[in-house]
Amino acid sequence: MTSGPRVPRRALGVRVRLVAGNLVLGVDAEGMELADVAKLIYESADGRNSVSDIAGIVAAEYGAEPEEVGEDVTEFLDELAASGVVEWVTEESPR
């Protein structure tokens, strides 16, 4: 069985609260507030959407081209992964 591309998914154990329309995430003693595009990216990281899918979601929401936002989406997801808020998983290819 071969593995497919890496996809981001929200990490377990992260406390999530909705405050004034923004998401407030808690990991250990640290907090992070996500609004607008950051919130959309985090919510789209469901373990099924690839980075390209998420770039398409962001582009559609904000009237941009996926190619314009793809690098920023990848960079932000990497930052979230470094903070322990999302994790990269390998999407398994269909049998």
PDB file of N, CA and C in Angstrom:
ATOM      1  N   MET A   1       0.849  -1.166   0.000  1.00  0.00           N
ATOM      2  CA  MET A   1       0.000   0.000   0.000  1.00  0.00           C
ATOM      3  C   MET A   1       0.901   1.237   0.000  1.00  0.00           C
ATOM      4  N   THR A   2       0.623   2.179  -0.909  1.00  0.00           N
ATOM      5  CA  THR A   2       1.409   3.401  -0.954  1.00  0.00           C
ATOM      6  C   THR A   2       0.672   4.510  -0.237  1.00  0.00           C
ATOM      7  N   SER A   3       1.448   5.434   0.279  1.00  0.00           N
ATOM      8  CA  SER A   3       0.851   6.550   1.010  1.00  0.00           C
ATOM      9  C   SER A   3       0.656   7.732   0.084  1.00  0.00           C
ATOM     10  N   GLY A   4      -0.376   8.477   0.357  1.00  0.00           N
ATOM     11  CA  GLY A   4      -0.670   9.674  -0.412  1.00  0.00           C
ATOM     12  C   GLY A   4      -0.023  10.893   0.215  1.00  0.00           C
ATOM     13  N   PRO A   5      -0.482  12.064  -0.177  1.00  0.00           N
ATOM     14  CA  PRO A   5       0.104  13.305   0.338  1.00  0.00           C
ATOM     15  C   PRO A   5      -0.233  13.541   1.807  1.00  0.00           C
ATOM     16  N   ARG A   6       0.566  14.385   2.435  1.00  0.00           N
ATOM     17  CA  ARG A   6       0.285  14.777   3.816  1.00  0.00           C
ATOM     18  C   ARG A   6      -0.917  15.715   3.832  1.00  0.00           C
ATOM     19  N   VAL A   7      -1.764  15.521   4.813  1.00  0.00           N
ATOM     20  CA  VAL A   7      -2.909  16.411   5.001  1.00  0.00           C
ATOM     21  C   VAL A   7      -2.929  16.862   6.465  1.00  0.00           C
ATOM     22  N   PRO A   8      -3.369  18.094   6.708  1.00  0.00           N
ATOM     23  CA  PRO A   8      -3.411  18.577   8.083  1.00  0.00           C
ATOM     24  C   PRO A   8      -4.724  18.196   8.759  1.00  0.00           C
ATOM     25  N   ARG A   9      -4.647  17.916  10.055  1.00  0.00           N
ATOM     26  CA  ARG A   9      -5.874  17.714  10.829  1.00  0.00           C
ATOM     27  C   ARG A   9      -5.685  18.345  12.195  1.00  0.00           C
ATOM     28  N   ARG A  10      -6.799  18.777  12.753  1.00  0.00           N
ATOM     29  CA  ARG A  10      -6.768  19.395  14.076  1.00  0.00           C
ATOM     30  C   ARG A  10      -6.299  18.353  15.090  1.00  0.00           C
ATOM     31  N   ALA A  11      -5.388  18.749  15.955  1.00  0.00           N
ATOM     32  CA  ALA A  11      -4.824  17.843  16.951  1.00  0.00           C
ATOM     33  C   ALA A  11      -5.806  17.637  18.099  1.00  0.00           C
ATOM     34  N   LEU A  12      -5.814  16.434  18.633  1.00  0.00           N
ATOM     35  CA  LEU A  12      -6.624  16.141  19.806  1.00  0.00           C
ATOM     36  C   LEU A  12      -6.004  16.809  21.028  1.00  0.00           C
ATOM     37  N   GLY A  13      -6.815  17.123  21.994  1.00  0.00           N
ATOM     38  CA  GLY A  13      -6.319  17.691  23.237  1.00  0.00           C
ATOM     39  C   GLY A  13      -6.195  19.203  23.230  1.00  0.00           C
ATOM     40  N   VAL A  14      -6.554  19.837  22.126  1.00  0.00           N
ATOM     41  CA  VAL A  14      -6.511  21.297  22.056  1.00  0.00           C
ATOM     42  C   VAL A  14      -7.871  21.823  22.506  1.00  0.00           C
ATOM     43  N   ARG A  15      -7.846  22.704  23.493  1.00  0.00           N
ATOM     44  CA  ARG A  15      -9.096  23.315  23.951  1.00  0.00           C
ATOM     45  C   ARG A  15      -9.499  24.388  22.953  1.00  0.00           C
ATOM     46  N   VAL A  16     -10.774  24.363  22.541  1.00  0.00           N
ATOM     47  CA  VAL A  16     -11.267  25.317  21.552  1.00  0.00           C
ATOM     48  C   VAL A  16     -12.497  26.007  22.117  1.00  0.00           C
ATOM     49  N   ARG A  17     -12.481  27.328  22.089  1.00  0.00           N
ATOM     50  CA  ARG A  17     -13.621  28.122  22.548  1.00  0.00           C
ATOM     51  C   ARG A  17     -13.947  29.148  21.478  1.00  0.00           C
ATOM     52  N   LEU A  18     -15.223  29.448  21.315  1.00  0.00           N
ATOM     53  CA  LEU A  18     -15.667  30.503  20.421  1.00  0.00           C
ATOM     54  C   LEU A  18     -15.925  31.743  21.266  1.00  0.00           C
ATOM     55  N   VAL A  19     -15.166  32.813  21.008  1.00  0.00           N
ATOM     56  CA  VAL A  19     -15.282  34.055  21.768  1.00  0.00           C
ATOM     57  C   VAL A  19     -15.450  35.205  20.778  1.00  0.00           C
ATOM     58  N   ALA A  20     -16.602  35.846  20.826  1.00  0.00           N
ATOM     59  CA  ALA A  20     -16.884  36.997  19.947  1.00  0.00           C
ATOM     60  C   ALA A  20     -16.639  36.669  18.477  1.00  0.00           C
ATOM     61  N   GLY A  21     -16.992  35.461  18.068  1.00  0.00           N
ATOM     62  CA  GLY A  21     -16.855  35.058  16.675  1.00  0.00           C
ATOM     63  C   GLY A  21     -15.486  34.533  16.295  1.00  0.00           C
ATOM     64  N   ASN A  22     -14.519  34.628  17.182  1.00  0.00           N
ATOM     65  CA  ASN A  22     -13.172  34.123  16.931  1.00  0.00           C
ATOM     66  C   ASN A  22     -12.965  32.827  17.697  1.00  0.00           C
ATOM     67  N   LEU A  23     -12.045  32.009  17.214  1.00  0.00           N
ATOM     68  CA  LEU A  23     -11.687  30.797  17.930  1.00  0.00           C
ATOM     69  C   LEU A  23     -10.511  31.088  18.842  1.00  0.00           C
ATOM     70  N   VAL A  24     -10.601  30.639  20.067  1.00  0.00           N
ATOM     71  CA  VAL A  24      -9.482  30.734  21.002  1.00  0.00           C
ATOM     72  C   VAL A  24      -9.052  29.300  21.296  1.00  0.00           C
ATOM     73  N   LEU A  25      -7.788  29.003  20.974  1.00  0.00           N
ATOM     74  CA  LEU A  25      -7.243  27.656  21.127  1.00  0.00           C
ATOM     75  C   LEU A  25      -6.290  27.640  22.302  1.00  0.00           C
ATOM     76  N   GLY A  26      -6.338  26.578  23.065  1.00  0.00           N
ATOM     77  CA  GLY A  26      -5.435  26.446  24.195  1.00  0.00           C
ATOM     78  C   GLY A  26      -4.650  25.161  24.117  1.00  0.00           C
ATOM     79  N   VAL A  27      -3.332  25.285  24.155  1.00  0.00           N
ATOM     80  CA  VAL A  27      -2.429  24.140  24.192  1.00  0.00           C
ATOM     81  C   VAL A  27      -1.498  24.377  25.370  1.00  0.00           C
ATOM     82  N   ASP A  28      -1.524  23.446  26.305  1.00  0.00           N
ATOM     83  CA  ASP A  28      -0.765  23.605  27.540  1.00  0.00           C
ATOM     84  C   ASP A  28      -1.173  24.927  28.185  1.00  0.00           C
ATOM     85  N   ALA A  29      -0.228  25.792  28.487  1.00  0.00           N
ATOM     86  CA  ALA A  29      -0.554  27.069  29.127  1.00  0.00           C
ATOM     87  C   ALA A  29      -0.624  28.211  28.121  1.00  0.00           C
ATOM     88  N   GLU A  30      -0.507  27.893  26.855  1.00  0.00           N
ATOM     89  CA  GLU A  30      -0.504  28.904  25.804  1.00  0.00           C
ATOM     90  C   GLU A  30      -1.892  29.058  25.191  1.00  0.00           C
ATOM     91  N   GLY A  31      -2.215  30.253  24.742  1.00  0.00           N
ATOM     92  CA  GLY A  31      -3.468  30.517  24.057  1.00  0.00           C
ATOM     93  C   GLY A  31      -3.199  31.155  22.710  1.00  0.00           C
ATOM     94  N   MET A  32      -4.105  30.941  21.776  1.00  0.00           N
ATOM     95  CA  MET A  32      -3.966  31.484  20.439  1.00  0.00           C
ATOM     96  C   MET A  32      -5.361  31.852  19.952  1.00  0.00           C
ATOM     97  N   GLU A  33      -5.518  33.065  19.435  1.00  0.00           N
ATOM     98  CA  GLU A  33      -6.811  33.500  18.916  1.00  0.00           C
ATOM     99  C   GLU A  33      -6.760  33.515  17.392  1.00  0.00           C
ATOM    100  N   LEU A  34      -7.750  32.882  16.780  1.00  0.00           N
ATOM    101  CA  LEU A  34      -7.822  32.816  15.322  1.00  0.00           C
ATOM    102  C   LEU A  34      -9.076  33.531  14.837  1.00  0.00           C
ATOM    103  N   ALA A  35      -8.902  34.427  13.893  1.00  0.00           N
ATOM    104  CA  ALA A  35     -10.018  35.147  13.298  1.00  0.00           C
ATOM    105  C   ALA A  35      -9.920  35.042  11.778  1.00  0.00           C
ATOM    106  N   ASP A  36     -11.010  35.295  11.121  1.00  0.00           N
ATOM    107  CA  ASP A  36     -11.065  35.412   9.673  1.00  0.00           C
ATOM    108  C   ASP A  36     -10.393  34.244   8.950  1.00  0.00           C
ATOM    109  N   VAL A  37      -9.373  34.542   8.150  1.00  0.00           N
ATOM    110  CA  VAL A  37      -8.757  33.511   7.315  1.00  0.00           C
ATOM    111  C   VAL A  37      -8.066  32.443   8.161  1.00  0.00           C
ATOM    112  N   ALA A  38      -7.460  32.840   9.279  1.00  0.00           N
ATOM    113  CA  ALA A  38      -6.801  31.859  10.151  1.00  0.00           C
ATOM    114  C   ALA A  38      -7.820  30.861  10.696  1.00  0.00           C
ATOM    115  N   LYS A  39      -8.969  31.374  11.086  1.00  0.00           N
ATOM    116  CA  LYS A  39     -10.055  30.520  11.587  1.00  0.00           C
ATOM    117  C   LYS A  39     -10.527  29.562  10.494  1.00  0.00           C
ATOM    118  N   LEU A  40     -10.680  30.071   9.278  1.00  0.00           N
ATOM    119  CA  LEU A  40     -11.120  29.243   8.158  1.00  0.00           C
ATOM    120  C   LEU A  40     -10.115  28.128   7.864  1.00  0.00           C
ATOM    121  N   ILE A  41      -8.844  28.457   7.881  1.00  0.00           N
ATOM    122  CA  ILE A  41      -7.810  27.447   7.629  1.00  0.00           C
ATOM    123  C   ILE A  41      -7.854  26.369   8.709  1.00  0.00           C
ATOM    124  N   TYR A  42      -7.915  26.782   9.980  1.00  0.00           N
ATOM    125  CA  TYR A  42      -7.957  25.822  11.079  1.00  0.00           C
ATOM    126  C   TYR A  42      -9.193  24.920  10.966  1.00  0.00           C
ATOM    127  N   GLU A  43     -10.341  25.504  10.712  1.00  0.00           N
ATOM    128  CA  GLU A  43     -11.571  24.711  10.616  1.00  0.00           C
ATOM    129  C   GLU A  43     -11.545  23.752   9.420  1.00  0.00           C
ATOM    130  N   SER A  44     -10.798  24.104   8.379  1.00  0.00           N
ATOM    131  CA  SER A  44     -10.719  23.259   7.184  1.00  0.00           C
ATOM    132  C   SER A  44      -9.717  22.119   7.329  1.00  0.00           C
ATOM    133  N   ALA A  45      -8.871  22.181   8.349  1.00  0.00           N
ATOM    134  CA  ALA A  45      -7.860  21.143   8.581  1.00  0.00           C
ATOM    135  C   ALA A  45      -8.529  19.971   9.293  1.00  0.00           C
ATOM    136  N   ASP A  46      -9.222  19.153   8.526  1.00  0.00           N
ATOM    137  CA  ASP A  46     -10.048  18.082   9.095  1.00  0.00           C
ATOM    138  C   ASP A  46      -9.489  16.684   8.851  1.00  0.00           C
ATOM    139  N   GLY A  47      -8.279  16.604   8.299  1.00  0.00           N
ATOM    140  CA  GLY A  47      -7.694  15.301   8.007  1.00  0.00           C
ATOM    141  C   GLY A  47      -8.127  14.735   6.670  1.00  0.00           C
ATOM    142  N   ARG A  48      -9.032  15.420   6.003  1.00  0.00           N
ATOM    143  CA  ARG A  48      -9.477  15.004   4.665  1.00  0.00           C
ATOM    144  C   ARG A  48      -9.068  16.025   3.607  1.00  0.00           C
ATOM    145  N   ASN A  49      -9.130  17.316   3.953  1.00  0.00           N
ATOM    146  CA  ASN A  49      -8.753  18.366   3.009  1.00  0.00           C
ATOM    147  C   ASN A  49      -7.239  18.459   2.896  1.00  0.00           C
ATOM    148  N   SER A  50      -6.739  18.407   1.671  1.00  0.00           N
ATOM    149  CA  SER A  50      -5.311  18.616   1.445  1.00  0.00           C
ATOM    150  C   SER A  50      -5.005  20.110   1.543  1.00  0.00           C
ATOM    151  N   VAL A  51      -3.742  20.447   1.512  1.00  0.00           N
ATOM    152  CA  VAL A  51      -3.356  21.856   1.518  1.00  0.00           C
ATOM    153  C   VAL A  51      -3.945  22.546   0.290  1.00  0.00           C
ATOM    154  N   SER A  52      -3.924  21.874  -0.842  1.00  0.00           N
ATOM    155  CA  SER A  52      -4.518  22.443  -2.067  1.00  0.00           C
ATOM    156  C   SER A  52      -6.013  22.677  -1.898  1.00  0.00           C
ATOM    157  N   ASP A  53      -6.691  21.727  -1.266  1.00  0.00           N
ATOM    158  CA  ASP A  53      -8.127  21.895  -1.001  1.00  0.00           C
ATOM    159  C   ASP A  53      -8.365  23.126  -0.129  1.00  0.00           C
ATOM    160  N   ILE A  54      -7.560  23.264   0.922  1.00  0.00           N
ATOM    161  CA  ILE A  54      -7.731  24.386   1.849  1.00  0.00           C
ATOM    162  C   ILE A  54      -7.423  25.702   1.141  1.00  0.00           C
ATOM    163  N   ALA A  55      -6.395  25.716   0.309  1.00  0.00           N
ATOM    164  CA  ALA A  55      -6.094  26.923  -0.467  1.00  0.00           C
ATOM    165  C   ALA A  55      -7.283  27.285  -1.364  1.00  0.00           C
ATOM    166  N   GLY A  56      -7.936  26.280  -1.939  1.00  0.00           N
ATOM    167  CA  GLY A  56      -9.124  26.527  -2.758  1.00  0.00           C
ATOM    168  C   GLY A  56     -10.280  27.084  -1.953  1.00  0.00           C
ATOM    169  N   ILE A  57     -10.451  26.580  -0.734  1.00  0.00           N
ATOM    170  CA  ILE A  57     -11.518  27.061   0.160  1.00  0.00           C
ATOM    171  C   ILE A  57     -11.265  28.523   0.511  1.00  0.00           C
ATOM    172  N   VAL A  58     -10.027  28.839   0.873  1.00  0.00           N
ATOM    173  CA  VAL A  58      -9.663  30.215   1.228  1.00  0.00           C
ATOM    174  C   VAL A  58      -9.829  31.131   0.022  1.00  0.00           C
ATOM    175  N   ALA A  59      -9.349  30.692  -1.125  1.00  0.00           N
ATOM    176  CA  ALA A  59      -9.443  31.502  -2.337  1.00  0.00           C
ATOM    177  C   ALA A  59     -10.895  31.797  -2.696  1.00  0.00           C
ATOM    178  N   ALA A  60     -11.742  30.793  -2.601  1.00  0.00           N
ATOM    179  CA  ALA A  60     -13.160  30.987  -2.920  1.00  0.00           C
ATOM    180  C   ALA A  60     -13.823  31.964  -1.957  1.00  0.00           C
ATOM    181  N   GLU A  61     -13.461  31.870  -0.690  1.00  0.00           N
ATOM    182  CA  GLU A  61     -14.057  32.744   0.328  1.00  0.00           C
ATOM    183  C   GLU A  61     -13.621  34.198   0.165  1.00  0.00           C
ATOM    184  N   TYR A  62     -12.385  34.406  -0.262  1.00  0.00           N
ATOM    185  CA  TYR A  62     -11.828  35.758  -0.315  1.00  0.00           C
ATOM    186  C   TYR A  62     -11.602  36.284  -1.729  1.00  0.00           C
ATOM    187  N   GLY A  63     -12.129  35.596  -2.736  1.00  0.00           N
ATOM    188  CA  GLY A  63     -12.045  36.086  -4.109  1.00  0.00           C
ATOM    189  C   GLY A  63     -10.636  36.142  -4.665  1.00  0.00           C
ATOM    190  N   ALA A  64      -9.849  35.132  -4.368  1.00  0.00           N
ATOM    191  CA  ALA A  64      -8.467  35.065  -4.855  1.00  0.00           C
ATOM    192  C   ALA A  64      -8.295  33.770  -5.644  1.00  0.00           C
ATOM    193  N   GLU A  65      -7.128  33.601  -6.201  1.00  0.00           N
ATOM    194  CA  GLU A  65      -6.787  32.362  -6.891  1.00  0.00           C
ATOM    195  C   GLU A  65      -6.051  31.446  -5.913  1.00  0.00           C
ATOM    196  N   PRO A  66      -6.313  30.139  -5.971  1.00  0.00           N
ATOM    197  CA  PRO A  66      -5.621  29.212  -5.065  1.00  0.00           C
ATOM    198  C   PRO A  66      -4.096  29.341  -5.111  1.00  0.00           C
ATOM    199  N   GLU A  67      -3.554  29.604  -6.294  1.00  0.00           N
ATOM    200  CA  GLU A  67      -2.105  29.746  -6.428  1.00  0.00           C
ATOM    201  C   GLU A  67      -1.591  30.954  -5.646  1.00  0.00           C
ATOM    202  N   GLU A  68      -2.421  31.982  -5.501  1.00  0.00           N
ATOM    203  CA  GLU A  68      -2.022  33.185  -4.773  1.00  0.00           C
ATOM    204  C   GLU A  68      -1.916  32.939  -3.272  1.00  0.00           C
ATOM    205  N   VAL A  69      -2.747  32.063  -2.748  1.00  0.00           N
ATOM    206  CA  VAL A  69      -2.814  31.866  -1.298  1.00  0.00           C
ATOM    207  C   VAL A  69      -2.142  30.578  -0.826  1.00  0.00           C
ATOM    208  N   GLY A  70      -1.791  29.704  -1.742  1.00  0.00           N
ATOM    209  CA  GLY A  70      -1.260  28.389  -1.381  1.00  0.00           C
ATOM    210  C   GLY A  70      -0.046  28.422  -0.483  1.00  0.00           C
ATOM    211  N   GLU A  71       0.911  29.283  -0.789  1.00  0.00           N
ATOM    212  CA  GLU A  71       2.133  29.349   0.016  1.00  0.00           C
ATOM    213  C   GLU A  71       1.829  29.854   1.429  1.00  0.00           C
ATOM    214  N   ASP A  72       0.960  30.859   1.530  1.00  0.00           N
ATOM    215  CA  ASP A  72       0.586  31.381   2.850  1.00  0.00           C
ATOM    216  C   ASP A  72      -0.164  30.339   3.668  1.00  0.00           C
ATOM    217  N   VAL A  73      -1.045  29.580   3.019  1.00  0.00           N
ATOM    218  CA  VAL A  73      -1.791  28.523   3.708  1.00  0.00           C
ATOM    219  C   VAL A  73      -0.826  27.472   4.242  1.00  0.00           C
ATOM    220  N   THR A  74       0.116  27.051   3.418  1.00  0.00           N
ATOM    221  CA  THR A  74       1.108  26.053   3.842  1.00  0.00           C
ATOM    222  C   THR A  74       1.931  26.570   5.018  1.00  0.00           C
ATOM    223  N   GLU A  75       2.385  27.807   4.924  1.00  0.00           N
ATOM    224  CA  GLU A  75       3.192  28.390   5.996  1.00  0.00           C
ATOM    225  C   GLU A  75       2.408  28.467   7.304  1.00  0.00           C
ATOM    226  N   PHE A  76       1.145  28.891   7.227  1.00  0.00           N
ATOM    227  CA  PHE A  76       0.339  28.995   8.439  1.00  0.00           C
ATOM    228  C   PHE A  76       0.074  27.617   9.043  1.00  0.00           C
ATOM    229  N   LEU A  77      -0.217  26.622   8.208  1.00  0.00           N
ATOM    230  CA  LEU A  77      -0.422  25.264   8.715  1.00  0.00           C
ATOM    231  C   LEU A  77       0.841  24.723   9.372  1.00  0.00           C
ATOM    232  N   ASP A  78       2.001  25.032   8.808  1.00  0.00           N
ATOM    233  CA  ASP A  78       3.266  24.616   9.430  1.00  0.00           C
ATOM    234  C   ASP A  78       3.430  25.273  10.801  1.00  0.00           C
ATOM    235  N   GLU A  79       3.042  26.560  10.912  1.00  0.00           N
ATOM    236  CA  GLU A  79       3.111  27.253  12.205  1.00  0.00           C
ATOM    237  C   GLU A  79       2.156  26.605  13.212  1.00  0.00           C
ATOM    238  N   LEU A  80       0.951  26.267  12.763  1.00  0.00           N
ATOM    239  CA  LEU A  80      -0.008  25.598  13.652  1.00  0.00           C
ATOM    240  C   LEU A  80       0.523  24.240  14.090  1.00  0.00           C
ATOM    241  N   ALA A  81       1.162  23.517  13.170  1.00  0.00           N
ATOM    242  CA  ALA A  81       1.731  22.211  13.516  1.00  0.00           C
ATOM    243  C   ALA A  81       2.861  22.372  14.525  1.00  0.00           C
ATOM    244  N   ALA A  82       3.701  23.389  14.354  1.00  0.00           N
ATOM    245  CA  ALA A  82       4.798  23.627  15.293  1.00  0.00           C
ATOM    246  C   ALA A  82       4.266  23.972  16.680  1.00  0.00           C
ATOM    247  N   SER A  83       3.078  24.560  16.737  1.00  0.00           N
ATOM    248  CA  SER A  83       2.451  24.917  18.017  1.00  0.00           C
ATOM    249  C   SER A  83       1.662  23.762  18.622  1.00  0.00           C
ATOM    250  N   GLY A  84       1.536  22.660  17.882  1.00  0.00           N
ATOM    251  CA  GLY A  84       0.798  21.505  18.380  1.00  0.00           C
ATOM    252  C   GLY A  84      -0.705  21.602  18.195  1.00  0.00           C
ATOM    253  N   VAL A  85      -1.142  22.540  17.376  1.00  0.00           N
ATOM    254  CA  VAL A  85      -2.569  22.769  17.162  1.00  0.00           C
ATOM    255  C   VAL A  85      -3.116  21.886  16.044  1.00  0.00           C
ATOM    256  N   VAL A  86      -2.303  21.642  15.021  1.00  0.00           N
ATOM    257  CA  VAL A  86      -2.655  20.681  13.981  1.00  0.00           C
ATOM    258  C   VAL A  86      -1.505  19.694  13.859  1.00  0.00           C
ATOM    259  N   GLU A  87      -1.784  18.587  13.215  1.00  0.00           N
ATOM    260  CA  GLU A  87      -0.742  17.598  12.942  1.00  0.00           C
ATOM    261  C   GLU A  87      -0.861  17.156  11.499  1.00  0.00           C
ATOM    262  N   TRP A  88       0.263  16.770  10.953  1.00  0.00           N
ATOM    263  CA  TRP A  88       0.278  16.277   9.577  1.00  0.00           C
ATOM    264  C   TRP A  88       0.063  14.773   9.592  1.00  0.00           C
ATOM    265  N   VAL A  89      -0.857  14.307   8.784  1.00  0.00           N
ATOM    266  CA  VAL A  89      -1.101  12.881   8.632  1.00  0.00           C
ATOM    267  C   VAL A  89      -0.955  12.535   7.163  1.00  0.00           C
ATOM    268  N   THR A  90      -0.708  11.280   6.892  1.00  0.00           N
ATOM    269  CA  THR A  90      -0.572  10.829   5.514  1.00  0.00           C
ATOM    270  C   THR A  90      -1.900  10.246   5.060  1.00  0.00           C
ATOM    271  N   GLU A  91      -2.380  10.782   3.974  1.00  0.00           N
ATOM    272  CA  GLU A  91      -3.632  10.295   3.404  1.00  0.00           C
ATOM    273  C   GLU A  91      -3.329   8.979   2.688  1.00  0.00           C
ATOM    274  N   GLU A  92      -4.059   7.958   3.053  1.00  0.00           N
ATOM    275  CA  GLU A  92      -3.836   6.655   2.438  1.00  0.00           C
ATOM    276  C   GLU A  92      -4.488   6.616   1.061  1.00  0.00           C
ATOM    277  N   SER A  93      -3.779   6.046   0.114  1.00  0.00           N
ATOM    278  CA  SER A  93      -4.335   5.891  -1.225  1.00  0.00           C
ATOM    279  C   SER A  93      -5.434   4.837  -1.198  1.00  0.00           C
ATOM    280  N   PRO A  94      -6.477   5.003  -2.029  1.00  0.00           N
ATOM    281  CA  PRO A  94      -7.532   3.986  -2.063  1.00  0.00           C
ATOM    282  C   PRO A  94      -6.994   2.670  -2.583  1.00  0.00           C
ATOM    283  N   ARG A  95      -7.559   1.600  -2.094  1.00  0.00           N
ATOM    284  CA  ARG A  95      -7.108   0.263  -2.516  1.00  0.00           C
ATOM    285  C   ARG A  95      -7.710  -0.117  -3.832  1.00  0.00           C
TER     286      ARG A  95
END
